[in-house]
Amino acid sequence: MKSSNVMPVNMESEALENLKRDMDLLITRTLMAMQKWDNNEAAITVKLTINLEDAAAEDGKGGMRAVIVPRFEHKVSAVLQAKSEIKGRANESCELVFDPDTNTYAMKSLDKNQTSLFDGPLPFSDDEDLTIDDDDLLLIDDQDDEELEINYEQAQAQ
């Protein structure tokens, strides 16, 4: 199939000459931009789309014949890696819950079962006499350390 009007389809052929030219141009532009902006990383992506279309061509005898016409479309793009970031973290003491009334998700504070200075009122009033019996104490074993914790639920029930 050697003829002056036959063009092989490979990276060295005229069929993909525009792709090679555009790739060379983008490589040069990318290198220039990297030097200008003192950037040391870039990525070049090549996308080649091939479509085969049915067509008709003269058969040389006054008639027509069915042929397949290839269409080569390309896109060459470059991305310079310039990164600016700020890291953070959402409140980890919350759980994700779904609110069916608003049909949205929300974050709800997890109950820690531990009193802090910022909690609401205590389970007993300041002027109330709080008596703690041995039954109100709960022994907690935490890796060889023994701690006593007041069981407020039992104290509240009294």
C-alpha atoms as a PDB file:
ATOM      1  CA  MET A   1       0.000   0.000   0.000  1.00  0.00           C
ATOM      2  CA  LYS A   2       2.825   2.388  -0.831  1.00  0.00           C
ATOM      3  CA  SER A   3       1.455   5.392  -2.615  1.00  0.00           C
ATOM      4  CA  SER A   4       1.960   9.133  -2.420  1.00  0.00           C
ATOM      5  CA  ASN A   5      -1.593   9.621  -1.207  1.00  0.00           C
ATOM      6  CA  VAL A   6      -1.412   6.944   1.536  1.00  0.00           C
ATOM      7  CA  MET A   7      -0.537   8.148   5.013  1.00  0.00           C
ATOM      8  CA  PRO A   8       0.316   5.668   7.791  1.00  0.00           C
ATOM      9  CA  VAL A   9      -1.389   6.245  11.137  1.00  0.00           C
ATOM     10  CA  ASN A  10       1.271   6.420  13.851  1.00  0.00           C
ATOM     11  CA  MET A  11       2.971   9.085  15.982  1.00  0.00           C
ATOM     12  CA  GLU A  12       5.556   9.806  13.277  1.00  0.00           C
ATOM     13  CA  SER A  13       3.049  10.301  10.459  1.00  0.00           C
ATOM     14  CA  GLU A  14       1.413  13.445   9.104  1.00  0.00           C
ATOM     15  CA  ALA A  15      -1.926  12.204  10.485  1.00  0.00           C
ATOM     16  CA  LEU A  16      -0.905  13.307  13.969  1.00  0.00           C
ATOM     17  CA  GLU A  17       1.373  16.199  12.970  1.00  0.00           C
ATOM     18  CA  ASN A  18      -0.902  18.822  14.585  1.00  0.00           C
ATOM     19  CA  LEU A  19      -0.927  16.883  17.843  1.00  0.00           C
ATOM     20  CA  LYS A  20       2.873  16.733  17.903  1.00  0.00           C
ATOM     21  CA  ARG A  21       3.165  20.452  17.046  1.00  0.00           C
ATOM     22  CA  ASP A  22       0.713  21.458  19.797  1.00  0.00           C
ATOM     23  CA  MET A  23       2.454  19.181  22.294  1.00  0.00           C
ATOM     24  CA  ASP A  24       5.848  20.727  21.505  1.00  0.00           C
ATOM     25  CA  LEU A  25       4.402  24.232  21.838  1.00  0.00           C
ATOM     26  CA  LEU A  26       2.784  23.449  25.197  1.00  0.00           C
ATOM     27  CA  ILE A  27       5.968  21.856  26.564  1.00  0.00           C
ATOM     28  CA  THR A  28       7.889  25.056  25.714  1.00  0.00           C
ATOM     29  CA  ARG A  29       5.222  27.316  27.231  1.00  0.00           C
ATOM     30  CA  THR A  30       5.028  25.182  30.373  1.00  0.00           C
ATOM     31  CA  LEU A  31       8.791  25.241  30.898  1.00  0.00           C
ATOM     32  CA  MET A  32       8.841  29.027  30.439  1.00  0.00           C
ATOM     33  CA  ALA A  33       6.001  29.477  32.940  1.00  0.00           C
ATOM     34  CA  MET A  34       7.697  27.185  35.462  1.00  0.00           C
ATOM     35  CA  GLN A  35      10.880  29.266  35.304  1.00  0.00           C
ATOM     36  CA  LYS A  36       8.962  32.554  35.462  1.00  0.00           C
ATOM     37  CA  TRP A  37       6.949  31.544  38.535  1.00  0.00           C
ATOM     38  CA  ASP A  38       9.738  29.537  40.193  1.00  0.00           C
ATOM     39  CA  ASN A  39       7.633  26.406  40.048  1.00  0.00           C
ATOM     40  CA  ASN A  40       9.255  22.986  40.050  1.00  0.00           C
ATOM     41  CA  GLU A  41       6.349  20.715  39.095  1.00  0.00           C
ATOM     42  CA  ALA A  42       3.895  20.519  36.203  1.00  0.00           C
ATOM     43  CA  ALA A  43       1.776  17.893  34.486  1.00  0.00           C
ATOM     44  CA  ILE A  44       0.914  17.705  30.795  1.00  0.00           C
ATOM     45  CA  THR A  45      -2.090  15.680  29.672  1.00  0.00           C
ATOM     46  CA  VAL A  46      -2.785  14.548  26.130  1.00  0.00           C
ATOM     47  CA  LYS A  47      -6.213  13.380  25.032  1.00  0.00           C
ATOM     48  CA  LEU A  48      -6.680  11.915  21.574  1.00  0.00           C
ATOM     49  CA  THR A  49     -10.231  11.159  20.450  1.00  0.00           C
ATOM     50  CA  ILE A  50     -10.723   9.015  17.366  1.00  0.00           C
ATOM     51  CA  ASN A  51     -14.065   8.852  15.564  1.00  0.00           C
ATOM     52  CA  LEU A  52     -14.807   6.637  12.591  1.00  0.00           C
ATOM     53  CA  GLU A  53     -17.521   8.054  10.360  1.00  0.00           C
ATOM     54  CA  ASP A  54     -19.306   6.378   7.480  1.00  0.00           C
ATOM     55  CA  ALA A  55     -19.078   8.315   4.234  1.00  0.00           C
ATOM     56  CA  ALA A  56     -19.241   7.864   0.478  1.00  0.00           C
ATOM     57  CA  ALA A  57     -16.442   8.389  -2.023  1.00  0.00           C
ATOM     58  CA  GLU A  58     -16.138   8.101  -5.826  1.00  0.00           C
ATOM     59  CA  ASP A  59     -15.096   4.658  -6.919  1.00  0.00           C
ATOM     60  CA  GLY A  60     -13.255   5.902 -10.046  1.00  0.00           C
ATOM     61  CA  LYS A  61     -15.802   4.267 -12.357  1.00  0.00           C
ATOM     62  CA  GLY A  62     -18.463   6.944 -12.086  1.00  0.00           C
ATOM     63  CA  GLY A  63     -20.088   5.368  -9.047  1.00  0.00           C
ATOM     64  CA  MET A  64     -19.835   5.732  -5.285  1.00  0.00           C
ATOM     65  CA  ARG A  65     -18.474   3.403  -2.652  1.00  0.00           C
ATOM     66  CA  ALA A  66     -18.809   3.274   1.123  1.00  0.00           C
ATOM     67  CA  VAL A  67     -15.746   4.373   3.073  1.00  0.00           C
ATOM     68  CA  ILE A  68     -14.803   4.970   6.690  1.00  0.00           C
ATOM     69  CA  VAL A  69     -13.305   8.377   7.426  1.00  0.00           C
ATOM     70  CA  PRO A  70     -11.186   8.682  10.600  1.00  0.00           C
ATOM     71  CA  ARG A  71     -11.390  11.926  12.597  1.00  0.00           C
ATOM     72  CA  PHE A  72      -8.581  12.671  15.025  1.00  0.00           C
ATOM     73  CA  GLU A  73      -9.240  15.331  17.654  1.00  0.00           C
ATOM     74  CA  HIS A  74      -6.740  16.188  20.333  1.00  0.00           C
ATOM     75  CA  LYS A  75      -6.481  18.253  23.476  1.00  0.00           C
ATOM     76  CA  VAL A  76      -3.192  18.996  25.167  1.00  0.00           C
ATOM     77  CA  SER A  77      -3.271  20.704  28.554  1.00  0.00           C
ATOM     78  CA  ALA A  78      -0.758  21.643  31.210  1.00  0.00           C
ATOM     79  CA  VAL A  79      -1.215  22.174  34.919  1.00  0.00           C
ATOM     80  CA  LEU A  80       1.438  23.874  36.991  1.00  0.00           C
ATOM     81  CA  GLN A  81       1.497  22.640  40.554  1.00  0.00           C
ATOM     82  CA  ALA A  82       1.153  25.677  42.782  1.00  0.00           C
ATOM     83  CA  LYS A  83      -0.415  24.821  46.072  1.00  0.00           C
ATOM     84  CA  SER A  84      -1.723  26.941  48.902  1.00  0.00           C
ATOM     85  CA  GLU A  85      -3.574  25.223  51.683  1.00  0.00           C
ATOM     86  CA  ILE A  86      -4.930  25.684  55.162  1.00  0.00           C
ATOM     87  CA  LYS A  87      -5.746  22.629  57.214  1.00  0.00           C
ATOM     88  CA  GLY A  88      -8.321  22.327  59.931  1.00  0.00           C
ATOM     89  CA  ARG A  89     -10.653  19.859  61.490  1.00  0.00           C
ATOM     90  CA  ALA A  90     -14.327  19.854  62.342  1.00  0.00           C
ATOM     91  CA  ASN A  91     -15.469  19.310  65.900  1.00  0.00           C
ATOM     92  CA  GLU A  92     -14.810  15.638  66.634  1.00  0.00           C
ATOM     93  CA  SER A  93     -17.046  15.522  69.705  1.00  0.00           C
ATOM     94  CA  CYS A  94     -20.148  15.525  67.531  1.00  0.00           C
ATOM     95  CA  GLU A  95     -22.114  12.830  65.790  1.00  0.00           C
ATOM     96  CA  LEU A  96     -23.796  13.035  62.421  1.00  0.00           C
ATOM     97  CA  VAL A  97     -27.597  12.921  62.663  1.00  0.00           C
ATOM     98  CA  PHE A  98     -30.352  13.233  60.095  1.00  0.00           C
ATOM     99  CA  ASP A  99     -33.171  15.688  60.797  1.00  0.00           C
ATOM    100  CA  PRO A 100     -36.296  14.362  59.041  1.00  0.00           C
ATOM    101  CA  ASP A 101     -38.139  17.656  59.652  1.00  0.00           C
ATOM    102  CA  THR A 102     -35.683  19.669  57.536  1.00  0.00           C
ATOM    103  CA  ASN A 103     -34.468  16.706  55.449  1.00  0.00           C
ATOM    104  CA  THR A 104     -30.834  17.665  56.211  1.00  0.00           C
ATOM    105  CA  TYR A 105     -27.893  16.340  58.155  1.00  0.00           C
ATOM    106  CA  ALA A 106     -26.640  18.046  61.293  1.00  0.00           C
ATOM    107  CA  MET A 107     -23.913  17.612  63.905  1.00  0.00           C
ATOM    108  CA  LYS A 108     -25.023  16.876  67.462  1.00  0.00           C
ATOM    109  CA  SER A 109     -22.737  17.063  70.503  1.00  0.00           C
ATOM    110  CA  LEU A 110     -21.905  13.697  71.973  1.00  0.00           C
ATOM    111  CA  ASP A 111     -22.947  13.168  75.583  1.00  0.00           C
ATOM    112  CA  LYS A 112     -19.803  12.717  77.649  1.00  0.00           C
ATOM    113  CA  ASN A 113     -21.544  11.872  80.935  1.00  0.00           C
ATOM    114  CA  GLN A 114     -19.040  14.095  82.664  1.00  0.00           C
ATOM    115  CA  THR A 115     -19.858  17.360  84.389  1.00  0.00           C
ATOM    116  CA  SER A 116     -17.924  20.434  83.346  1.00  0.00           C
ATOM    117  CA  LEU A 117     -18.003  24.084  84.402  1.00  0.00           C
ATOM    118  CA  PHE A 118     -19.965  24.903  81.273  1.00  0.00           C
ATOM    119  CA  ASP A 119     -22.746  22.350  81.717  1.00  0.00           C
ATOM    120  CA  GLY A 120     -26.241  23.323  82.784  1.00  0.00           C
ATOM    121  CA  PRO A 121     -27.500  23.185  86.374  1.00  0.00           C
ATOM    122  CA  LEU A 122     -26.299  20.412  88.669  1.00  0.00           C
ATOM    123  CA  PRO A 123     -28.637  17.510  89.364  1.00  0.00           C
ATOM    124  CA  PHE A 124     -29.116  18.938  92.861  1.00  0.00           C
ATOM    125  CA  SER A 125     -29.489  22.461  94.222  1.00  0.00           C
ATOM    126  CA  ASP A 126     -26.803  24.233  96.250  1.00  0.00           C
ATOM    127  CA  ASP A 127     -28.959  24.441  99.376  1.00  0.00           C
ATOM    128  CA  GLU A 128     -29.945  20.760  99.180  1.00  0.00           C
ATOM    129  CA  ASP A 129     -28.126  18.400 101.521  1.00  0.00           C
ATOM    130  CA  LEU A 130     -26.387  15.759  99.436  1.00  0.00           C
ATOM    131  CA  THR A 131     -25.585  12.575 101.307  1.00  0.00           C
ATOM    132  CA  ILE A 132     -23.368  10.064  99.611  1.00  0.00           C
ATOM    133  CA  ASP A 133     -23.578   6.461 100.775  1.00  0.00           C
ATOM    134  CA  ASP A 134     -21.263   3.648  99.799  1.00  0.00           C
ATOM    135  CA  ASP A 135     -23.986   2.465  97.394  1.00  0.00           C
ATOM    136  CA  ASP A 136     -23.668   5.767  95.515  1.00  0.00           C
ATOM    137  CA  LEU A 137     -20.000   5.146  94.661  1.00  0.00           C
ATOM    138  CA  LEU A 138     -19.034   3.248  91.560  1.00  0.00           C
ATOM    139  CA  LEU A 139     -15.585   1.676  91.374  1.00  0.00           C
ATOM    140  CA  ILE A 140     -13.897   2.127  87.999  1.00  0.00           C
ATOM    141  CA  ASP A 141     -10.792   0.160  87.081  1.00  0.00           C
ATOM    142  CA  ASP A 142      -8.651   2.092  84.610  1.00  0.00           C
ATOM    143  CA  GLN A 143      -5.360   0.239  83.939  1.00  0.00           C
ATOM    144  CA  ASP A 144      -4.226  -0.303  87.522  1.00  0.00           C
ATOM    145  CA  ASP A 145      -5.470   3.134  88.655  1.00  0.00           C
ATOM    146  CA  GLU A 146      -8.568   3.025  90.812  1.00  0.00           C
ATOM    147  CA  GLU A 147     -10.837   6.045  90.745  1.00  0.00           C
ATOM    148  CA  LEU A 148     -14.070   6.671  92.523  1.00  0.00           C
ATOM    149  CA  GLU A 149     -16.808   8.457  90.689  1.00  0.00           C
ATOM    150  CA  ILE A 150     -20.024   9.756  92.190  1.00  0.00           C
ATOM    151  CA  ASN A 151     -23.015   8.177  90.553  1.00  0.00           C
ATOM    152  CA  TYR A 152     -25.197  11.257  90.067  1.00  0.00           C
ATOM    153  CA  GLU A 153     -28.101   9.238  88.749  1.00  0.00           C
ATOM    154  CA  GLN A 154     -28.431   7.435  92.079  1.00  0.00           C
ATOM    155  CA  ALA A 155     -27.957  10.681  93.996  1.00  0.00           C
ATOM    156  CA  GLN A 156     -30.689  12.283  91.903  1.00  0.00           C
ATOM    157  CA  ALA A 157     -33.088   9.424  92.574  1.00  0.00           C
ATOM    158  CA  GLN A 158     -32.878  10.009  96.358  1.00  0.00           C
END
